Amino acid sequence: MNLRNALLPALLLALAGCAHQPEVPPAAFGSTQTLSVGQTVRFDDGLSLELERVEDSRCRQGMQCVWAGELAPILQLRGGFVGDKAVKLRLATGSSPAKQQGPYHFTLRQATPEAASVTVNRTRQP
């Protein structure tokens, strides 16, 4: 009986930690979303966009480089018209600031080593 009384408060605390978190409203197509590395945003058709990392090939201060380099956010897409299998998409500040993936058009607006601002438009449905 004492063991049950001792476990009951611990069980209640554990269950309290599982309380439902409020859902974040879906992002709107055409709006610019700023994501930190590891952050995900979802759109109303089920598309989720996660900033996996930002590659930084820029010339380091004090170095002499042939090419200035660029910041390249690596995005992971899933859901919506992309499907359940994750798809990686690489945008870049210099070489490829915009790309099409199915009915989605992604435009890189700004990037830092820790974050990226991306506009997502849905151009058509397959």
N, C-alpha and C. Protein backbone atom coordinates (compact mmCIF):
# COMPACT_ATOMS: atom_id res chain seq x y z
N MET A 1 0.84 -1.20 0.00
CA MET A 1 0.00 0.00 0.00
C MET A 1 0.87 1.25 0.00
N ASN A 2 1.97 1.27 0.75
CA ASN A 2 2.84 2.43 0.80
C ASN A 2 3.50 2.69 -0.54
N LEU A 3 3.87 1.63 -1.26
CA LEU A 3 4.50 1.78 -2.56
C LEU A 3 3.54 2.46 -3.54
N ARG A 4 2.26 2.05 -3.51
CA ARG A 4 1.27 2.65 -4.39
C ARG A 4 1.09 4.13 -4.07
N ASN A 5 1.05 4.47 -2.80
CA ASN A 5 0.91 5.87 -2.40
C ASN A 5 2.13 6.69 -2.80
N ALA A 6 3.29 6.07 -2.80
CA ALA A 6 4.51 6.78 -3.18
C ALA A 6 4.59 6.97 -4.69
N LEU A 7 4.07 6.02 -5.46
CA LEU A 7 4.14 6.11 -6.92
C LEU A 7 3.07 7.01 -7.53
N LEU A 8 1.96 7.17 -6.85
CA LEU A 8 0.86 7.96 -7.39
C LEU A 8 1.26 9.41 -7.69
N PRO A 9 1.91 10.14 -6.79
CA PRO A 9 2.31 11.51 -7.12
C PRO A 9 3.29 11.57 -8.29
N ALA A 10 4.21 10.61 -8.37
CA ALA A 10 5.17 10.59 -9.48
C ALA A 10 4.44 10.35 -10.79
N LEU A 11 3.45 9.47 -10.80
CA LEU A 11 2.68 9.20 -11.99
C LEU A 11 1.89 10.44 -12.43
N LEU A 12 1.30 11.13 -11.47
CA LEU A 12 0.55 12.34 -11.79
C LEU A 12 1.46 13.43 -12.38
N LEU A 13 2.65 13.57 -11.84
CA LEU A 13 3.60 14.54 -12.38
C LEU A 13 4.01 14.17 -13.81
N ALA A 14 4.23 12.90 -14.06
CA ALA A 14 4.61 12.45 -15.40
C ALA A 14 3.50 12.74 -16.40
N LEU A 15 2.27 12.47 -16.01
CA LEU A 15 1.13 12.73 -16.89
C LEU A 15 0.92 14.22 -17.13
N ALA A 16 1.20 15.04 -16.14
CA ALA A 16 1.05 16.49 -16.30
C ALA A 16 2.02 17.01 -17.36
N GLY A 17 3.19 16.39 -17.48
CA GLY A 17 4.15 16.79 -18.49
C GLY A 17 3.70 16.45 -19.90
N CYS A 18 2.70 15.59 -20.03
CA CYS A 18 2.19 15.20 -21.35
C CYS A 18 1.00 16.05 -21.77
N ALA A 19 0.75 17.14 -21.07
CA ALA A 19 -0.40 17.99 -21.39
C ALA A 19 -0.32 18.46 -22.83
N HIS A 20 -1.45 18.60 -23.45
CA HIS A 20 -1.52 19.01 -24.86
C HIS A 20 -0.97 20.42 -25.04
N GLN A 21 -0.02 20.54 -25.95
CA GLN A 21 0.54 21.85 -26.28
C GLN A 21 -0.35 22.50 -27.33
N PRO A 22 -0.60 23.80 -27.25
CA PRO A 22 -1.44 24.44 -28.25
C PRO A 22 -0.76 24.37 -29.62
N GLU A 23 -1.56 24.12 -30.65
CA GLU A 23 -1.02 24.02 -32.00
C GLU A 23 -0.72 25.41 -32.55
N VAL A 24 0.38 25.48 -33.28
CA VAL A 24 0.75 26.72 -33.95
C VAL A 24 -0.07 26.81 -35.22
N PRO A 25 -0.68 27.94 -35.53
CA PRO A 25 -1.45 28.05 -36.76
C PRO A 25 -0.55 27.85 -37.97
N PRO A 26 -1.10 27.28 -39.05
CA PRO A 26 -0.27 27.05 -40.23
C PRO A 26 0.21 28.36 -40.84
N ALA A 27 1.38 28.28 -41.47
CA ALA A 27 1.93 29.45 -42.16
C ALA A 27 1.15 29.68 -43.46
N ALA A 28 1.14 30.91 -43.91
CA ALA A 28 0.44 31.25 -45.15
C ALA A 28 1.40 31.21 -46.32
N PHE A 29 0.97 30.59 -47.42
CA PHE A 29 1.77 30.64 -48.63
C PHE A 29 1.91 32.09 -49.07
N GLY A 30 3.08 32.44 -49.56
CA GLY A 30 3.35 33.80 -49.99
C GLY A 30 3.95 34.68 -48.91
N SER A 31 3.92 34.21 -47.66
CA SER A 31 4.52 34.98 -46.58
C SER A 31 5.96 34.50 -46.36
N THR A 32 6.80 35.38 -45.85
CA THR A 32 8.19 35.03 -45.58
C THR A 32 8.29 34.45 -44.18
N GLN A 33 8.89 33.27 -44.08
CA GLN A 33 9.06 32.57 -42.81
C GLN A 33 10.52 32.60 -42.43
N THR A 34 10.83 33.04 -41.22
CA THR A 34 12.21 33.04 -40.72
C THR A 34 12.35 31.88 -39.76
N LEU A 35 13.27 30.96 -40.08
CA LEU A 35 13.48 29.76 -39.30
C LEU A 35 14.89 29.73 -38.74
N SER A 36 15.01 29.33 -37.49
CA SER A 36 16.31 29.04 -36.90
C SER A 36 16.64 27.59 -37.21
N VAL A 37 17.91 27.23 -37.14
CA VAL A 37 18.31 25.84 -37.40
C VAL A 37 17.53 24.93 -36.45
N GLY A 38 16.92 23.88 -37.01
CA GLY A 38 16.13 22.93 -36.24
C GLY A 38 14.66 23.28 -36.13
N GLN A 39 14.27 24.46 -36.54
CA GLN A 39 12.88 24.90 -36.43
C GLN A 39 12.08 24.45 -37.65
N THR A 40 10.81 24.15 -37.44
CA THR A 40 9.90 23.69 -38.50
C THR A 40 8.69 24.60 -38.58
N VAL A 41 8.23 24.82 -39.79
CA VAL A 41 6.99 25.55 -40.01
C VAL A 41 6.10 24.66 -40.88
N ARG A 42 4.78 24.70 -40.64
CA ARG A 42 3.83 23.90 -41.40
C ARG A 42 2.85 24.81 -42.12
N PHE A 43 2.46 24.34 -43.30
CA PHE A 43 1.50 25.08 -44.11
C PHE A 43 0.16 24.35 -44.11
N ASP A 44 -0.90 25.06 -44.53
CA ASP A 44 -2.24 24.50 -44.40
C ASP A 44 -2.51 23.27 -45.25
N ASP A 45 -1.68 22.99 -46.26
CA ASP A 45 -1.89 21.78 -47.07
C ASP A 45 -1.10 20.59 -46.54
N GLY A 46 -0.42 20.77 -45.39
CA GLY A 46 0.33 19.68 -44.79
C GLY A 46 1.82 19.73 -45.04
N LEU A 47 2.29 20.63 -45.90
CA LEU A 47 3.72 20.76 -46.15
C LEU A 47 4.42 21.24 -44.88
N SER A 48 5.51 20.56 -44.50
CA SER A 48 6.34 21.05 -43.41
C SER A 48 7.71 21.36 -43.97
N LEU A 49 8.30 22.42 -43.44
CA LEU A 49 9.58 22.92 -43.90
C LEU A 49 10.46 23.09 -42.67
N GLU A 50 11.57 22.35 -42.63
CA GLU A 50 12.50 22.44 -41.50
C GLU A 50 13.85 22.95 -41.99
N LEU A 51 14.41 23.90 -41.26
CA LEU A 51 15.77 24.34 -41.56
C LEU A 51 16.71 23.38 -40.86
N GLU A 52 17.32 22.50 -41.64
CA GLU A 52 18.21 21.47 -41.08
C GLU A 52 19.55 22.06 -40.67
N ARG A 53 20.13 22.88 -41.54
CA ARG A 53 21.42 23.52 -41.25
C ARG A 53 21.66 24.60 -42.28
N VAL A 54 22.70 25.41 -42.03
CA VAL A 54 23.13 26.43 -42.99
C VAL A 54 24.60 26.19 -43.26
N GLU A 55 24.91 25.85 -44.51
CA GLU A 55 26.31 25.67 -44.91
C GLU A 55 26.91 27.05 -45.16
N ASP A 56 28.14 27.25 -44.70
CA ASP A 56 28.80 28.55 -44.83
C ASP A 56 30.12 28.37 -45.57
N SER A 57 30.15 28.77 -46.84
CA SER A 57 31.37 28.65 -47.64
C SER A 57 32.00 30.02 -47.90
N ARG A 58 31.59 31.02 -47.13
CA ARG A 58 32.12 32.36 -47.33
C ARG A 58 33.60 32.43 -46.98
N CYS A 59 34.28 33.34 -47.64
CA CYS A 59 35.69 33.56 -47.38
C CYS A 59 35.85 34.11 -45.96
N ARG A 60 36.69 33.48 -45.19
CA ARG A 60 36.92 33.90 -43.81
C ARG A 60 37.69 35.22 -43.76
N GLN A 61 37.42 35.99 -42.74
CA GLN A 61 38.08 37.28 -42.57
C GLN A 61 39.60 37.07 -42.50
N GLY A 62 40.33 37.90 -43.22
CA GLY A 62 41.78 37.83 -43.24
C GLY A 62 42.34 36.87 -44.28
N MET A 63 41.45 36.15 -44.96
CA MET A 63 41.89 35.21 -46.00
C MET A 63 41.71 35.86 -47.37
N GLN A 64 42.49 35.42 -48.33
CA GLN A 64 42.33 35.88 -49.71
C GLN A 64 41.75 34.71 -50.49
N CYS A 65 40.56 34.91 -51.03
CA CYS A 65 39.84 33.83 -51.70
C CYS A 65 39.57 34.18 -53.16
N VAL A 66 39.45 33.15 -53.98
CA VAL A 66 39.12 33.33 -55.39
C VAL A 66 37.62 33.61 -55.53
N TRP A 67 36.84 33.02 -54.64
CA TRP A 67 35.38 33.15 -54.66
C TRP A 67 34.92 33.62 -53.29
N ALA A 68 33.98 34.54 -53.25
CA ALA A 68 33.50 35.09 -51.98
C ALA A 68 32.75 34.06 -51.15
N GLY A 69 32.17 33.05 -51.80
CA GLY A 69 31.39 32.03 -51.10
C GLY A 69 29.97 32.47 -50.85
N GLU A 70 29.23 31.66 -50.11
CA GLU A 70 27.82 31.95 -49.88
C GLU A 70 27.31 31.19 -48.67
N LEU A 71 26.14 31.58 -48.22
CA LEU A 71 25.41 30.84 -47.19
C LEU A 71 24.36 30.00 -47.92
N ALA A 72 24.24 28.73 -47.53
CA ALA A 72 23.32 27.82 -48.21
C ALA A 72 22.46 27.07 -47.19
N PRO A 73 21.24 27.55 -46.96
CA PRO A 73 20.33 26.82 -46.08
C PRO A 73 19.93 25.48 -46.70
N ILE A 74 19.96 24.44 -45.89
CA ILE A 74 19.51 23.11 -46.30
C ILE A 74 18.15 22.89 -45.62
N LEU A 75 17.12 22.76 -46.45
CA LEU A 75 15.75 22.61 -45.96
C LEU A 75 15.31 21.17 -46.12
N GLN A 76 14.53 20.70 -45.17
CA GLN A 76 13.92 19.38 -45.29
C GLN A 76 12.43 19.58 -45.49
N LEU A 77 11.91 19.06 -46.59
CA LEU A 77 10.49 19.19 -46.93
C LEU A 77 9.81 17.85 -46.71
N ARG A 78 8.56 17.91 -46.25
CA ARG A 78 7.79 16.68 -46.04
C ARG A 78 6.31 17.06 -46.03
N GLY A 79 5.49 16.13 -46.47
CA GLY A 79 4.04 16.34 -46.43
C GLY A 79 3.56 17.15 -47.62
N GLY A 80 2.29 17.52 -47.58
CA GLY A 80 1.71 18.25 -48.70
C GLY A 80 1.87 17.46 -49.98
N PHE A 81 2.20 18.14 -51.08
CA PHE A 81 2.37 17.47 -52.36
C PHE A 81 3.76 16.86 -52.51
N VAL A 82 4.62 17.02 -51.49
CA VAL A 82 5.94 16.40 -51.50
C VAL A 82 5.81 14.93 -51.11
N GLY A 83 4.86 14.61 -50.24
CA GLY A 83 4.65 13.24 -49.77
C GLY A 83 5.28 13.02 -48.41
N ASP A 84 5.23 11.78 -47.96
CA ASP A 84 5.71 11.45 -46.61
C ASP A 84 7.23 11.30 -46.53
N LYS A 85 7.86 11.00 -47.65
CA LYS A 85 9.32 10.85 -47.65
C LYS A 85 9.98 12.22 -47.67
N ALA A 86 10.93 12.43 -46.75
CA ALA A 86 11.61 13.72 -46.64
C ALA A 86 12.43 14.00 -47.90
N VAL A 87 12.38 15.25 -48.35
CA VAL A 87 13.14 15.72 -49.50
C VAL A 87 13.99 16.88 -49.04
N LYS A 88 15.28 16.86 -49.40
CA LYS A 88 16.17 17.97 -49.04
C LYS A 88 16.23 18.96 -50.19
N LEU A 89 16.25 20.23 -49.83
CA LEU A 89 16.32 21.32 -50.80
C LEU A 89 17.40 22.28 -50.34
N ARG A 90 18.31 22.61 -51.25
CA ARG A 90 19.41 23.53 -50.92
C ARG A 90 19.19 24.83 -51.68
N LEU A 91 19.05 25.91 -50.94
CA LEU A 91 19.01 27.25 -51.50
C LEU A 91 20.35 27.90 -51.18
N ALA A 92 20.72 28.97 -51.88
CA ALA A 92 22.00 29.63 -51.61
C ALA A 92 21.89 31.11 -51.92
N THR A 93 22.62 31.90 -51.13
CA THR A 93 22.55 33.35 -51.29
C THR A 93 23.08 33.81 -52.64
N GLY A 94 23.99 33.08 -53.26
CA GLY A 94 24.57 33.51 -54.53
C GLY A 94 24.11 32.69 -55.72
N SER A 95 24.34 31.38 -55.67
CA SER A 95 24.14 30.53 -56.84
C SER A 95 22.71 30.10 -57.09
N SER A 96 21.92 29.91 -56.07
CA SER A 96 20.55 29.41 -56.28
C SER A 96 19.59 29.89 -55.20
N PRO A 97 19.21 31.18 -55.26
CA PRO A 97 18.32 31.71 -54.23
C PRO A 97 16.85 31.28 -54.38
N ALA A 98 16.51 30.66 -55.52
CA ALA A 98 15.13 30.22 -55.73
C ALA A 98 15.12 28.87 -56.41
N LYS A 99 14.17 28.02 -55.99
CA LYS A 99 14.01 26.69 -56.59
C LYS A 99 12.55 26.27 -56.57
N GLN A 100 12.21 25.41 -57.51
CA GLN A 100 10.88 24.83 -57.61
C GLN A 100 10.95 23.37 -57.17
N GLN A 101 9.99 22.94 -56.37
CA GLN A 101 9.87 21.53 -55.97
C GLN A 101 8.40 21.17 -56.07
N GLY A 102 8.04 20.47 -57.13
CA GLY A 102 6.63 20.17 -57.36
C GLY A 102 5.86 21.47 -57.53
N PRO A 103 4.74 21.61 -56.84
CA PRO A 103 3.96 22.84 -56.99
C PRO A 103 4.46 24.00 -56.11
N TYR A 104 5.56 23.79 -55.41
CA TYR A 104 6.06 24.79 -54.47
C TYR A 104 7.26 25.55 -55.06
N HIS A 105 7.26 26.85 -54.84
CA HIS A 105 8.39 27.70 -55.25
C HIS A 105 8.98 28.31 -53.98
N PHE A 106 10.28 28.08 -53.77
CA PHE A 106 10.99 28.53 -52.58
C PHE A 106 11.95 29.65 -52.97
N THR A 107 11.89 30.77 -52.26
CA THR A 107 12.79 31.89 -52.51
C THR A 107 13.49 32.26 -51.21
N LEU A 108 14.81 32.23 -51.25
CA LEU A 108 15.61 32.62 -50.09
C LEU A 108 15.67 34.14 -50.04
N ARG A 109 15.22 34.72 -48.95
CA ARG A 109 15.22 36.17 -48.78
C ARG A 109 16.45 36.66 -48.03
N GLN A 110 16.88 35.87 -47.04
CA GLN A 110 18.01 36.27 -46.20
C GLN A 110 18.53 35.04 -45.48
N ALA A 111 19.84 35.04 -45.19
CA ALA A 111 20.42 33.92 -44.44
C ALA A 111 21.54 34.41 -43.55
N THR A 112 21.67 33.75 -42.41
CA THR A 112 22.78 33.92 -41.49
C THR A 112 23.27 32.51 -41.20
N PRO A 113 24.40 32.34 -40.53
CA PRO A 113 24.83 30.98 -40.19
C PRO A 113 23.86 30.23 -39.28
N GLU A 114 22.94 30.93 -38.64
CA GLU A 114 22.01 30.30 -37.69
C GLU A 114 20.55 30.29 -38.15
N ALA A 115 20.21 31.02 -39.21
CA ALA A 115 18.80 31.16 -39.58
C ALA A 115 18.66 31.48 -41.07
N ALA A 116 17.44 31.33 -41.57
CA ALA A 116 17.14 31.68 -42.96
C ALA A 116 15.70 32.17 -43.06
N SER A 117 15.49 33.13 -43.95
CA SER A 117 14.15 33.63 -44.25
C SER A 117 13.80 33.17 -45.65
N VAL A 118 12.68 32.46 -45.76
CA VAL A 118 12.28 31.84 -47.02
C VAL A 118 10.82 32.16 -47.28
N THR A 119 10.51 32.49 -48.54
CA THR A 119 9.12 32.65 -48.97
C THR A 119 8.74 31.42 -49.76
N VAL A 120 7.59 30.83 -49.41
CA VAL A 120 7.10 29.64 -50.09
C VAL A 120 5.78 29.99 -50.77
N ASN A 121 5.73 29.74 -52.08
CA ASN A 121 4.50 29.91 -52.84
C ASN A 121 4.09 28.55 -53.41
N ARG A 122 2.80 28.32 -53.44
CA ARG A 122 2.29 27.12 -54.10
C ARG A 122 1.74 27.60 -55.44
N THR A 123 2.42 27.19 -56.51
CA THR A 123 2.08 27.73 -57.84
C THR A 123 0.95 27.00 -58.52
N ARG A 124 0.87 25.71 -58.29
CA ARG A 124 -0.18 24.91 -58.90
C ARG A 124 -0.31 23.62 -58.11
N GLN A 125 -1.39 22.92 -58.33
CA GLN A 125 -1.54 21.61 -57.70
C GLN A 125 -1.33 20.55 -58.76
N PRO A 126 -0.61 19.47 -58.41
CA PRO A 126 -0.34 18.42 -59.41
C PRO A 126 -1.60 17.70 -59.81
